[in-house]
PDB file of N, CA and C in Angstrom:
ATOM      1  N   MET A   1      35.007 128.806 109.533  1.00  0.00           N
ATOM      2  CA  MET A   1      33.753 129.792 108.418  1.00  0.00           C
ATOM      3  C   MET A   1      32.783 129.005 108.568  1.00  0.00           C
ATOM      4  N   THR A   2      31.432 129.257 108.508  1.00  0.00           N
ATOM      5  CA  THR A   2      30.111 128.915 108.354  1.00  0.00           C
ATOM      6  C   THR A   2      30.208 128.935 106.480  1.00  0.00           C
ATOM      7  N   GLU A   3      29.612 127.655 106.293  1.00  0.00           N
ATOM      8  CA  GLU A   3      29.119 127.632 105.016  1.00  0.00           C
ATOM      9  C   GLU A   3      27.692 127.025 105.091  1.00  0.00           C
ATOM     10  N   PHE A   4      26.934 127.304 103.647  1.00  0.00           N
ATOM     11  CA  PHE A   4      25.604 126.692 103.459  1.00  0.00           C
ATOM     12  C   PHE A   4      25.978 126.004 102.063  1.00  0.00           C
ATOM     13  N   ILE A   5      25.169 125.002 102.107  1.00  0.00           N
ATOM     14  CA  ILE A   5      25.203 124.146 100.716  1.00  0.00           C
ATOM     15  C   ILE A   5      24.516 125.123  99.500  1.00  0.00           C
ATOM     16  N   GLY A   6      25.576 124.865  98.385  1.00  0.00           N
ATOM     17  CA  GLY A   6      25.416 126.052  97.614  1.00  0.00           C
ATOM     18  C   GLY A   6      25.993 127.386  97.827  1.00  0.00           C
ATOM     19  N   TYR A   7      26.696 127.616  98.978  1.00  0.00           N
ATOM     20  CA  TYR A   7      26.336 128.936  98.762  1.00  0.00           C
ATOM     21  C   TYR A   7      27.945 129.222  99.485  1.00  0.00           C
ATOM     22  N   ILE A   8      29.111 130.251  99.084  1.00  0.00           N
ATOM     23  CA  ILE A   8      30.081 130.318 100.025  1.00  0.00           C
ATOM     24  C   ILE A   8      30.405 131.846 100.793  1.00  0.00           C
ATOM     25  N   PRO A   9      31.074 132.025 101.376  1.00  0.00           N
ATOM     26  CA  PRO A   9      31.378 133.300 102.100  1.00  0.00           C
ATOM     27  C   PRO A   9      31.870 134.327 101.100  1.00  0.00           C
ATOM     28  N   ARG A  10      31.172 135.453 101.281  1.00  0.00           N
ATOM     29  CA  ARG A  10      31.849 136.461 100.411  1.00  0.00           C
ATOM     30  C   ARG A  10      33.800 136.753 100.181  1.00  0.00           C
ATOM     31  N   LYS A  11      34.137 136.311 101.530  1.00  0.00           N
ATOM     32  CA  LYS A  11      35.819 136.387 101.169  1.00  0.00           C
ATOM     33  C   LYS A  11      36.050 135.531 100.533  1.00  0.00           C
ATOM     34  N   ARG A  12      35.630 134.151 100.641  1.00  0.00           N
ATOM     35  CA  ARG A  12      36.048 133.334  99.534  1.00  0.00           C
ATOM     36  C   ARG A  12      35.710 133.760  97.927  1.00  0.00           C
ATOM     37  N   THR A  13      34.378 134.168  98.004  1.00  0.00           N
ATOM     38  CA  THR A  13      34.212 134.676  96.608  1.00  0.00           C
ATOM     39  C   THR A  13      35.398 135.754  96.080  1.00  0.00           C
ATOM     40  N   ALA A  14      35.904 136.577  96.838  1.00  0.00           N
ATOM     41  CA  ALA A  14      36.852 137.222  96.598  1.00  0.00           C
ATOM     42  C   ALA A  14      38.051 136.940  96.384  1.00  0.00           C
ATOM     43  N   ARG A  15      38.220 135.700  96.969  1.00  0.00           N
ATOM     44  CA  ARG A  15      40.092 134.834  96.570  1.00  0.00           C
ATOM     45  C   ARG A  15      39.587 134.216  95.318  1.00  0.00           C
ATOM     46  N   ARG A  16      38.271 134.002  95.172  1.00  0.00           N
ATOM     47  CA  ARG A  16      38.062 132.806  93.748  1.00  0.00           C
ATOM     48  C   ARG A  16      38.428 133.903  92.623  1.00  0.00           C
ATOM     49  N   TYR A  17      38.047 135.097  92.863  1.00  0.00           N
ATOM     50  CA  TYR A  17      38.765 135.599  91.696  1.00  0.00           C
ATOM     51  C   TYR A  17      40.090 136.754  91.888  1.00  0.00           C
ATOM     52  N   CYS A  18      40.675 136.660  92.768  1.00  0.00           N
ATOM     53  CA  CYS A  18      41.651 136.891  92.996  1.00  0.00           C
ATOM     54  C   CYS A  18      41.720 138.861  93.182  1.00  0.00           C
ATOM     55  N   VAL A  19      40.732 138.779  93.890  1.00  0.00           N
ATOM     56  CA  VAL A  19      40.162 140.213  93.844  1.00  0.00           C
ATOM     57  C   VAL A  19      40.234 140.608  95.674  1.00  0.00           C
ATOM     58  N   HIS A  20      39.991 141.946  96.193  1.00  0.00           N
ATOM     59  CA  HIS A  20      39.691 142.406  97.217  1.00  0.00           C
ATOM     60  C   HIS A  20      38.478 141.783  97.458  1.00  0.00           C
ATOM     61  N   ILE A  21      37.750 141.754  98.662  1.00  0.00           N
ATOM     62  CA  ILE A  21      36.533 142.000  98.873  1.00  0.00           C
ATOM     63  C   ILE A  21      35.822 143.198  98.770  1.00  0.00           C
ATOM     64  N   ARG A  22      36.144 144.047  98.803  1.00  0.00           N
ATOM     65  CA  ARG A  22      35.492 145.319  98.024  1.00  0.00           C
ATOM     66  C   ARG A  22      35.396 145.364  96.879  1.00  0.00           C
ATOM     67  N   THR A  23      36.319 144.956  95.956  1.00  0.00           N
ATOM     68  CA  THR A  23      36.048 144.916  94.707  1.00  0.00           C
ATOM     69  C   THR A  23      34.586 144.102  94.541  1.00  0.00           C
ATOM     70  N   VAL A  24      34.523 142.665  95.281  1.00  0.00           N
ATOM     71  CA  VAL A  24      33.233 142.137  94.712  1.00  0.00           C
ATOM     72  C   VAL A  24      31.959 143.296  95.095  1.00  0.00           C
ATOM     73  N   SER A  25      32.290 143.441  96.200  1.00  0.00           N
ATOM     74  CA  SER A  25      31.228 144.582  96.696  1.00  0.00           C
ATOM     75  C   SER A  25      30.782 145.518  95.472  1.00  0.00           C
ATOM     76  N   ARG A  26      31.961 146.108  94.827  1.00  0.00           N
ATOM     77  CA  ARG A  26      31.672 147.086  94.110  1.00  0.00           C
ATOM     78  C   ARG A  26      31.238 146.553  92.839  1.00  0.00           C
ATOM     79  N   TRP A  27      31.376 145.293  92.422  1.00  0.00           N
ATOM     80  CA  TRP A  27      30.629 144.377  91.614  1.00  0.00           C
ATOM     81  C   TRP A  27      29.090 144.686  91.876  1.00  0.00           C
ATOM     82  N   GLU A  28      29.007 144.510  92.982  1.00  0.00           N
ATOM     83  CA  GLU A  28      27.327 144.000  93.342  1.00  0.00           C
ATOM     84  C   GLU A  28      26.845 145.076  92.838  1.00  0.00           C
ATOM     85  N   ARG A  29      27.643 146.725  93.356  1.00  0.00           N
ATOM     86  CA  ARG A  29      26.605 147.920  93.258  1.00  0.00           C
ATOM     87  C   ARG A  29      26.595 148.458  91.904  1.00  0.00           C
ATOM     88  N   ASP A  30      27.303 147.532  90.805  1.00  0.00           N
ATOM     89  CA  ASP A  30      27.684 148.305  89.331  1.00  0.00           C
ATOM     90  C   ASP A  30      26.144 147.734  88.551  1.00  0.00           C
ATOM     91  N   PRO A  31      25.448 148.028  88.063  1.00  0.00           N
ATOM     92  CA  PRO A  31      24.628 147.701  87.325  1.00  0.00           C
ATOM     93  C   PRO A  31      24.857 147.026  86.018  1.00  0.00           C
ATOM     94  N   LYS A  32      26.038 147.579  85.488  1.00  0.00           N
ATOM     95  CA  LYS A  32      26.516 146.984  84.568  1.00  0.00           C
ATOM     96  C   LYS A  32      27.013 145.686  84.187  1.00  0.00           C
ATOM     97  N   MET A  33      27.712 145.360  85.909  1.00  0.00           N
ATOM     98  CA  MET A  33      28.320 144.093  86.124  1.00  0.00           C
ATOM     99  C   MET A  33      27.413 143.178  86.000  1.00  0.00           C
ATOM    100  N   ARG A  34      26.430 143.166  86.555  1.00  0.00           N
ATOM    101  CA  ARG A  34      24.973 142.268  86.697  1.00  0.00           C
ATOM    102  C   ARG A  34      25.751 140.983  87.521  1.00  0.00           C
ATOM    103  N   PHE A  35      26.781 141.605  88.761  1.00  0.00           N
ATOM    104  CA  PHE A  35      26.816 140.678  89.661  1.00  0.00           C
ATOM    105  C   PHE A  35      25.551 139.599  90.489  1.00  0.00           C
ATOM    106  N   PRO A  36      25.728 138.588  90.943  1.00  0.00           N
ATOM    107  CA  PRO A  36      24.753 137.672  91.446  1.00  0.00           C
ATOM    108  C   PRO A  36      24.711 138.843  92.665  1.00  0.00           C
ATOM    109  N   LYS A  37      23.075 139.039  93.351  1.00  0.00           N
ATOM    110  CA  LYS A  37      22.874 139.473  94.599  1.00  0.00           C
ATOM    111  C   LYS A  37      23.098 138.832  95.605  1.00  0.00           C
ATOM    112  N   PRO A  38      23.894 138.647  97.039  1.00  0.00           N
ATOM    113  CA  PRO A  38      24.229 137.377  98.101  1.00  0.00           C
ATOM    114  C   PRO A  38      22.933 137.524  98.774  1.00  0.00           C
ATOM    115  N   LEU A  39      22.860 136.676  99.461  1.00  0.00           N
ATOM    116  CA  LEU A  39      22.665 136.110 100.819  1.00  0.00           C
ATOM    117  C   LEU A  39      22.842 136.877 101.908  1.00  0.00           C
ATOM    118  N   VAL A  40      22.002 137.487 102.815  1.00  0.00           N
ATOM    119  CA  VAL A  40      22.189 138.245 103.874  1.00  0.00           C
ATOM    120  C   VAL A  40      21.917 137.470 105.218  1.00  0.00           C
ATOM    121  N   LEU A  41      22.998 136.986 106.015  1.00  0.00           N
ATOM    122  CA  LEU A  41      22.456 136.237 107.440  1.00  0.00           C
ATOM    123  C   LEU A  41      23.485 137.040 108.415  1.00  0.00           C
ATOM    124  N   ASN A  42      23.144 137.448 109.297  1.00  0.00           N
ATOM    125  CA  ASN A  42      23.336 138.396 110.200  1.00  0.00           C
ATOM    126  C   ASN A  42      24.409 139.425 109.802  1.00  0.00           C
ATOM    127  N   GLY A  43      24.237 140.164 108.810  1.00  0.00           N
ATOM    128  CA  GLY A  43      25.114 141.182 108.349  1.00  0.00           C
ATOM    129  C   GLY A  43      26.057 140.414 107.449  1.00  0.00           C
ATOM    130  N   ARG A  44      26.308 139.193 107.067  1.00  0.00           N
ATOM    131  CA  ARG A  44      27.626 138.838 106.549  1.00  0.00           C
ATOM    132  C   ARG A  44      26.986 138.155 105.393  1.00  0.00           C
ATOM    133  N   LYS A  45      27.616 138.537 104.023  1.00  0.00           N
ATOM    134  CA  LYS A  45      27.213 137.959 102.869  1.00  0.00           C
ATOM    135  C   LYS A  45      27.615 136.552 102.311  1.00  0.00           C
ATOM    136  N   TYR A  46      26.849 135.803 101.490  1.00  0.00           N
ATOM    137  CA  TYR A  46      26.856 134.806 101.161  1.00  0.00           C
ATOM    138  C   TYR A  46      26.643 134.635  99.883  1.00  0.00           C
ATOM    139  N   ASP A  47      27.326 134.003  99.077  1.00  0.00           N
ATOM    140  CA  ASP A  47      27.166 134.370  97.575  1.00  0.00           C
ATOM    141  C   ASP A  47      26.802 132.746  97.001  1.00  0.00           C
ATOM    142  N   GLU A  48      25.798 132.452  96.083  1.00  0.00           N
ATOM    143  CA  GLU A  48      25.016 131.561  95.706  1.00  0.00           C
ATOM    144  C   GLU A  48      25.949 130.630  94.402  1.00  0.00           C
ATOM    145  N   LEU A  49      26.775 129.729  94.716  1.00  0.00           N
ATOM    146  CA  LEU A  49      27.504 129.238  93.911  1.00  0.00           C
ATOM    147  C   LEU A  49      26.961 128.913  92.688  1.00  0.00           C
ATOM    148  N   SER A  50      26.024 128.821  92.534  1.00  0.00           N
ATOM    149  CA  SER A  50      25.602 128.221  90.863  1.00  0.00           C
ATOM    150  C   SER A  50      25.103 129.582  90.247  1.00  0.00           C
ATOM    151  N   LYS A  51      24.618 130.511  91.110  1.00  0.00           N
ATOM    152  CA  LYS A  51      24.651 132.022  90.353  1.00  0.00           C
ATOM    153  C   LYS A  51      26.248 132.332  89.620  1.00  0.00           C
ATOM    154  N   LEU A  52      27.225 132.389  90.621  1.00  0.00           N
ATOM    155  CA  LEU A  52      28.505 132.541  90.562  1.00  0.00           C
ATOM    156  C   LEU A  52      29.586 131.912  89.208  1.00  0.00           C
ATOM    157  N   LEU A  53      28.546 130.729  88.897  1.00  0.00           N
ATOM    158  CA  LEU A  53      29.210 129.849  87.720  1.00  0.00           C
ATOM    159  C   LEU A  53      28.753 130.885  86.416  1.00  0.00           C
ATOM    160  N   GLU A  54      27.121 130.919  86.866  1.00  0.00           N
ATOM    161  CA  GLU A  54      26.500 131.674  85.605  1.00  0.00           C
ATOM    162  C   GLU A  54      26.963 133.052  85.323  1.00  0.00           C
ATOM    163  N   TRP A  55      27.599 134.038  86.207  1.00  0.00           N
ATOM    164  CA  TRP A  55      28.048 135.096  86.096  1.00  0.00           C
ATOM    165  C   TRP A  55      29.525 135.062  85.564  1.00  0.00           C
ATOM    166  N   GLU A  56      30.495 133.898  85.682  1.00  0.00           N
ATOM    167  CA  GLU A  56      31.756 133.868  85.360  1.00  0.00           C
ATOM    168  C   GLU A  56      31.178 133.487  83.645  1.00  0.00           C
ATOM    169  N   GLN A  57      30.595 132.688  83.398  1.00  0.00           N
ATOM    170  CA  GLN A  57      30.292 132.453  82.047  1.00  0.00           C
ATOM    171  C   GLN A  57      30.360 133.691  81.269  1.00  0.00           C
ATOM    172  N   ARG A  58      29.296 134.615  81.181  1.00  0.00           N
ATOM    173  CA  ARG A  58      29.077 135.933  80.963  1.00  0.00           C
ATOM    174  C   ARG A  58      30.376 136.883  80.777  1.00  0.00           C
ATOM    175  N   HIS A  59      31.220 136.273  82.012  1.00  0.00           N
ATOM    176  CA  HIS A  59      32.329 137.884  82.034  1.00  0.00           C
ATOM    177  C   HIS A  59      33.602 136.904  81.765  1.00  0.00           C
ATOM    178  N   GLN A  60      33.722 135.473  81.359  1.00  0.00           N
ATOM    179  CA  GLN A  60      34.811 135.064  81.463  1.00  0.00           C
ATOM    180  C   GLN A  60      36.541 135.793  81.074  1.00  0.00           C
ATOM    181  N   GLY A  61      36.504 136.687  80.054  1.00  0.00           N
ATOM    182  CA  GLY A  61      37.351 137.206  79.330  1.00  0.00           C
ATOM    183  C   GLY A  61      37.658 138.525  80.529  1.00  0.00           C
ATOM    184  N   ARG A  62      36.988 139.054  80.668  1.00  0.00           N
ATOM    185  CA  ARG A  62      37.175 139.986  81.975  1.00  0.00           C
ATOM    186  C   ARG A  62      37.736 139.242  83.209  1.00  0.00           C
ATOM    187  N   LEU A  63      37.207 138.230  83.516  1.00  0.00           N
ATOM    188  CA  LEU A  63      38.045 137.883  84.883  1.00  0.00           C
ATOM    189  C   LEU A  63      39.370 137.349  84.314  1.00  0.00           C
ATOM    190  N   HIS A  64      39.774 136.724  83.425  1.00  0.00           N
ATOM    191  CA  HIS A  64      40.799 136.096  83.326  1.00  0.00           C
ATOM    192  C   HIS A  64      42.106 137.285  83.110  1.00  0.00           C
ATOM    193  N   SER A  65      41.374 138.478  82.821  1.00  0.00           N
ATOM    194  CA  SER A  65      42.195 139.653  82.592  1.00  0.00           C
ATOM    195  C   SER A  65      42.498 140.131  84.033  1.00  0.00           C
ATOM    196  N   ILE A  66      41.485 140.103  85.124  1.00  0.00           N
ATOM    197  CA  ILE A  66      41.565 140.264  86.262  1.00  0.00           C
ATOM    198  C   ILE A  66      42.536 139.649  87.000  1.00  0.00           C
ATOM    199  N   ALA A  67      42.274 138.352  86.916  1.00  0.00           N
ATOM    200  CA  ALA A  67      43.183 137.244  87.591  1.00  0.00           C
ATOM    201  C   ALA A  67      44.796 137.743  87.150  1.00  0.00           C
ATOM    202  N   LEU A  68      45.188 138.021  86.010  1.00  0.00           N
ATOM    203  CA  LEU A  68      46.511 137.958  85.411  1.00  0.00           C
ATOM    204  C   LEU A  68      47.005 139.104  86.350  1.00  0.00           C
ATOM    205  N   ARG A  69      46.203 139.859  86.153  1.00  0.00           N
ATOM    206  CA  ARG A  69      46.927 141.451  86.722  1.00  0.00           C
ATOM    207  C   ARG A  69      47.208 141.286  88.136  1.00  0.00           C
ATOM    208  N   ASN A  70      46.414 140.375  88.871  1.00  0.00           N
ATOM    209  CA  ASN A  70      46.283 140.229  90.293  1.00  0.00           C
ATOM    210  C   ASN A  70      46.860 139.010  91.110  1.00  0.00           C
ATOM    211  N   ASP A  71      47.549 138.209  89.919  1.00  0.00           N
ATOM    212  CA  ASP A  71      48.392 136.985  90.495  1.00  0.00           C
ATOM    213  C   ASP A  71      49.244 137.034  89.564  1.00  0.00           C
ATOM    214  N   PRO A  72      50.659 137.429  90.107  1.00  0.00           N
ATOM    215  CA  PRO A  72      51.777 137.448  88.953  1.00  0.00           C
ATOM    216  C   PRO A  72      52.030 136.142  88.427  1.00  0.00           C
ATOM    217  N   GLU A  73      51.951 135.025  89.547  1.00  0.00           N
ATOM    218  CA  GLU A  73      52.506 133.688  88.887  1.00  0.00           C
ATOM    219  C   GLU A  73      51.437 133.257  88.025  1.00  0.00           C
ATOM    220  N   LEU A  74      50.331 133.296  87.716  1.00  0.00           N
ATOM    221  CA  LEU A  74      49.267 133.046  86.876  1.00  0.00           C
ATOM    222  C   LEU A  74      49.883 134.153  85.447  1.00  0.00           C
ATOM    223  N   ALA A  75      50.075 135.290  85.439  1.00  0.00           N
ATOM    224  CA  ALA A  75      50.391 135.827  84.695  1.00  0.00           C
ATOM    225  C   ALA A  75      51.918 135.379  84.145  1.00  0.00           C
ATOM    226  N   GLU A  76      52.694 135.223  85.185  1.00  0.00           N
ATOM    227  CA  GLU A  76      53.780 134.545  84.047  1.00  0.00           C
ATOM    228  C   GLU A  76      53.782 133.156  83.536  1.00  0.00           C
ATOM    229  N   ARG A  77      52.938 132.495  84.112  1.00  0.00           N
ATOM    230  CA  ARG A  77      52.772 130.871  83.371  1.00  0.00           C
ATOM    231  C   ARG A  77      51.611 131.312  82.310  1.00  0.00           C
ATOM    232  N   GLU A  78      50.930 132.179  81.940  1.00  0.00           N
ATOM    233  CA  GLU A  78      50.206 132.635  80.662  1.00  0.00           C
ATOM    234  C   GLU A  78      51.362 132.984  79.945  1.00  0.00           C
ATOM    235  N   TRP A  79      51.941 133.910  80.395  1.00  0.00           N
ATOM    236  CA  TRP A  79      53.181 134.562  79.221  1.00  0.00           C
ATOM    237  C   TRP A  79      53.786 133.438  78.795  1.00  0.00           C
ATOM    238  N   GLN A  80      54.469 132.531  79.431  1.00  0.00           N
ATOM    239  CA  GLN A  80      55.232 131.581  78.897  1.00  0.00           C
ATOM    240  C   GLN A  80      54.300 130.604  77.835  1.00  0.00           C
ATOM    241  N   ARG A  81      53.265 130.627  78.382  1.00  0.00           N
ATOM    242  CA  ARG A  81      52.110 129.629  77.062  1.00  0.00           C
ATOM    243  C   ARG A  81      52.111 130.264  76.262  1.00  0.00           C
ATOM    244  N   LEU A  82      51.929 131.905  76.023  1.00  0.00           N
ATOM    245  CA  LEU A  82      52.015 132.350  74.873  1.00  0.00           C
ATOM    246  C   LEU A  82      53.216 132.511  74.219  1.00  0.00           C
ATOM    247  N   GLU A  83      54.453 132.490  74.929  1.00  0.00           N
ATOM    248  CA  GLU A  83      55.956 132.216  73.900  1.00  0.00           C
ATOM    249  C   GLU A  83      55.861 130.862  73.346  1.00  0.00           C
ATOM    250  N   ARG A  84      55.196 129.975  74.105  1.00  0.00           N
ATOM    251  CA  ARG A  84      55.670 128.436  73.706  1.00  0.00           C
ATOM    252  C   ARG A  84      54.094 128.269  72.312  1.00  0.00           C
ATOM    253  N   GLU A  85      53.234 129.287  72.390  1.00  0.00           N
ATOM    254  CA  GLU A  85      52.388 128.868  71.065  1.00  0.00           C
ATOM    255  C   GLU A  85      53.092 129.706  69.818  1.00  0.00           C
ATOM    256  N   LEU A  86      53.580 131.118  70.212  1.00  0.00           N
ATOM    257  CA  LEU A  86      54.320 131.650  69.242  1.00  0.00           C
ATOM    258  C   LEU A  86      55.134 130.961  68.561  1.00  0.00           C
ATOM    259  N   GLN A  87      56.040 130.249  69.097  1.00  0.00           N
ATOM    260  CA  GLN A  87      57.531 129.501  69.056  1.00  0.00           C
ATOM    261  C   GLN A  87      56.496 128.383  67.876  1.00  0.00           C
ATOM    262  N   LEU A  88      55.643 127.445  68.635  1.00  0.00           N
ATOM    263  CA  LEU A  88      54.883 126.746  67.691  1.00  0.00           C
ATOM    264  C   LEU A  88      54.534 127.328  66.324  1.00  0.00           C
ATOM    265  N   ASP A  89      54.218 128.674  66.427  1.00  0.00           N
ATOM    266  CA  ASP A  89      53.897 129.430  64.810  1.00  0.00           C
ATOM    267  C   ASP A  89      54.611 129.223  63.958  1.00  0.00           C
ATOM    268  N   ASN A  90      55.584 129.843  65.013  1.00  0.00           N
ATOM    269  CA  ASN A  90      56.788 130.383  64.121  1.00  0.00           C
ATOM    270  C   ASN A  90      57.653 128.874  63.358  1.00  0.00           C
ATOM    271  N   ALA A  91      57.283 128.264  63.885  1.00  0.00           N
ATOM    272  CA  ALA A  91      58.013 126.692  63.433  1.00  0.00           C
ATOM    273  C   ALA A  91      57.301 126.143  62.476  1.00  0.00           C
ATOM    274  N   GLU A  92      55.761 126.337  62.394  1.00  0.00           N
ATOM    275  CA  GLU A  92      55.076 125.796  61.122  1.00  0.00           C
ATOM    276  C   GLU A  92      54.963 126.530  60.039  1.00  0.00           C
ATOM    277  N   VAL A  93      55.176 127.692  59.953  1.00  0.00           N
ATOM    278  CA  VAL A  93      55.275 128.892  58.970  1.00  0.00           C
ATOM    279  C   VAL A  93      56.888 128.750  58.039  1.00  0.00           C
ATOM    280  N   PRO A  94      56.699 128.432  56.457  1.00  0.00           N
ATOM    281  CA  PRO A  94      57.802 127.938  56.243  1.00  0.00           C
ATOM    282  C   PRO A  94      58.561 129.020  55.914  1.00  0.00           C
ATOM    283  N   HIS A  95      60.014 128.738  55.962  1.00  0.00           N
ATOM    284  CA  HIS A  95      60.651 130.318  55.687  1.00  0.00           C
ATOM    285  C   HIS A  95      61.141 130.674  54.657  1.00  0.00           C
ATOM    286  N   GLU A  96      61.042 131.689  53.553  1.00  0.00           N
ATOM    287  CA  GLU A  96      61.431 132.148  52.280  1.00  0.00           C
ATOM    288  C   GLU A  96      63.066 132.234  52.377  1.00  0.00           C
ATOM    289  N   ALA A  97      63.907 131.491  51.638  1.00  0.00           N
ATOM    290  CA  ALA A  97      65.377 131.325  51.334  1.00  0.00           C
ATOM    291  C   ALA A  97      65.319 132.904  50.756  1.00  0.00           C
ATOM    292  N   SER A  98      66.530 133.908  51.199  1.00  0.00           N
ATOM    293  CA  SER A  98      66.896 135.223  50.642  1.00  0.00           C
ATOM    294  C   SER A  98      67.632 135.031  49.598  1.00  0.00           C
TER     295      SER A  98
END
């Protein structure tokens, strides 16, 4: 796989966000997403990593929910983390005697 310094192939971009490569292409065409335009060489698309990082910062919440939906293991770990936080929150709240 050819890589240029600071650029990653579109397939790797898709893996980065746990989505299909076509989803990344849809993001690119959707003006609301403001997804960075790729560098196109010989018909292949390469995404500039620095622009992807900026885009991630703007879409952090949305990307997290996409990853949870597409990665069952990540979703399970997140669920367990939330359960632990809930248990800790409940342990800190004093219970009134009935």
